[in-house]
Protein backbone atom coordinates (compact mmCIF):
# COMPACT_ATOMS: atom_id res chain seq x y z
CA UNK A 1 -25.53 -19.03 -0.53
CA UNK A 2 -25.92 -17.01 -4.11
CA UNK A 3 -22.64 -16.21 -5.24
CA UNK A 4 -21.91 -13.55 -8.42
CA UNK A 5 -18.70 -14.16 -9.93
CA UNK A 6 -17.07 -12.50 -13.04
CA UNK A 7 -16.79 -14.03 -16.60
CA UNK A 8 -13.96 -16.21 -15.54
CA UNK A 9 -16.32 -18.38 -13.27
CA UNK A 10 -18.83 -19.58 -15.89
CA UNK A 11 -19.62 -22.75 -15.49
CA UNK A 12 -18.80 -22.76 -11.83
CA UNK A 13 -21.12 -25.38 -10.33
CA UNK A 14 -24.09 -24.22 -7.38
CA UNK A 15 -24.94 -21.41 -7.22
CA UNK A 16 -22.82 -19.17 -8.97
CA UNK A 17 -23.85 -16.61 -11.29
CA UNK A 18 -22.12 -15.01 -14.13
CA UNK A 19 -22.89 -12.24 -16.05
CA UNK A 20 -23.67 -13.49 -19.96
CA UNK A 21 -20.21 -13.57 -22.05
CA UNK A 22 -20.19 -12.87 -26.15
CA UNK A 23 -18.28 -15.42 -27.57
CA UNK A 24 -16.42 -14.39 -30.84
CA UNK A 25 -18.28 -15.60 -33.57
CA UNK A 26 -21.93 -15.31 -32.40
CA UNK A 27 -24.16 -11.68 -32.24
CA UNK A 28 -23.79 -9.27 -29.81
CA UNK A 29 -25.15 -9.60 -26.47
CA UNK A 30 -29.20 -8.88 -26.62
CA UNK A 31 -31.22 -5.80 -24.53
CA UNK A 32 -32.25 -8.12 -21.99
CA UNK A 33 -28.73 -9.94 -21.60
CA UNK A 34 -27.00 -6.53 -21.42
CA UNK A 35 -29.53 -5.53 -18.75
CA UNK A 36 -28.84 -8.52 -16.66
CA UNK A 37 -25.21 -8.39 -16.87
CA UNK A 38 -25.87 -4.03 -16.04
CA UNK A 39 -27.45 -5.16 -12.41
CA UNK A 40 -25.06 -8.13 -11.78
CA UNK A 41 -22.45 -5.53 -12.42
CA UNK A 42 -24.61 -3.53 -10.13
CA UNK A 43 -24.25 -5.82 -7.16
CA UNK A 44 -20.64 -6.94 -7.71
CA UNK A 45 -19.40 -3.22 -6.98
CA UNK A 46 -20.78 -3.39 -4.01
CA UNK A 47 -19.05 -6.42 -2.63
CA UNK A 48 -15.73 -5.10 -4.34
CA UNK A 49 -16.23 -1.82 -2.52
CA UNK A 50 -17.00 -3.20 0.98
CA UNK A 51 -13.77 -5.69 0.72
CA UNK A 52 -11.83 -2.31 -0.26
CA UNK A 53 -13.24 -0.59 2.48
CA UNK A 54 -12.14 -3.75 4.65
CA UNK A 55 -9.01 -4.45 3.69
CA UNK A 56 -8.32 -0.33 4.07
CA UNK A 57 -9.03 -0.68 7.24
CA UNK A 58 -6.80 -3.00 8.10
CA UNK A 59 -7.78 -4.70 11.21
CA UNK A 60 -8.53 -7.89 9.67
CA UNK A 61 -4.42 -8.87 8.98
CA UNK A 62 -3.77 -10.32 12.34
CA UNK A 63 -7.58 -11.34 13.23
CA UNK A 64 -6.77 -14.30 15.43
CA UNK A 65 -10.37 -15.26 16.40
CA UNK A 66 -13.66 -17.51 15.50
CA UNK A 67 -15.08 -17.08 12.34
CA UNK A 68 -18.49 -15.55 14.20
CA UNK A 69 -16.45 -13.01 15.93
CA UNK A 70 -14.94 -12.21 12.80
CA UNK A 71 -18.41 -11.29 11.08
CA UNK A 72 -19.57 -9.19 14.08
CA UNK A 73 -16.41 -7.39 13.79
CA UNK A 74 -16.54 -6.84 9.79
CA UNK A 75 -20.50 -5.89 10.52
CA UNK A 76 -19.27 -3.32 12.78
CA UNK A 77 -17.08 -2.06 10.53
CA UNK A 78 -18.91 -1.44 7.62
CA UNK A 79 -21.59 0.55 10.20
CA UNK A 80 -18.55 2.98 10.94
CA UNK A 81 -17.49 3.11 7.70
CA UNK A 82 -20.98 3.80 6.24
CA UNK A 83 -21.60 6.50 9.53
CA UNK A 84 -18.40 8.30 8.23
CA UNK A 85 -19.54 8.59 4.97
CA UNK A 86 -22.69 9.50 5.61
CA UNK A 87 -21.09 12.89 7.79
CA UNK A 88 -18.90 13.89 5.03
CA UNK A 89 -21.65 13.33 1.92
CA UNK A 90 -24.17 15.67 3.65
């Protein structure tokens, strides 16, 4: 499973993807590196918004079922949230 992490996880093993980091005495990031960082941030932002949504619904606080069932619950919550958001946006 590919994981998109922030700069604090640089050097993490496995399939952890982190943005390019500029060091103190090195040249500035190239245009390509900045473009990669922007794309990385867009992907991470979607995950961050999804987690924030789940926290506001507060349904998983007392969740005591198996992880497979929790996954189905999370998917249902996000679908309902998306339907609600689309209704107010349109």
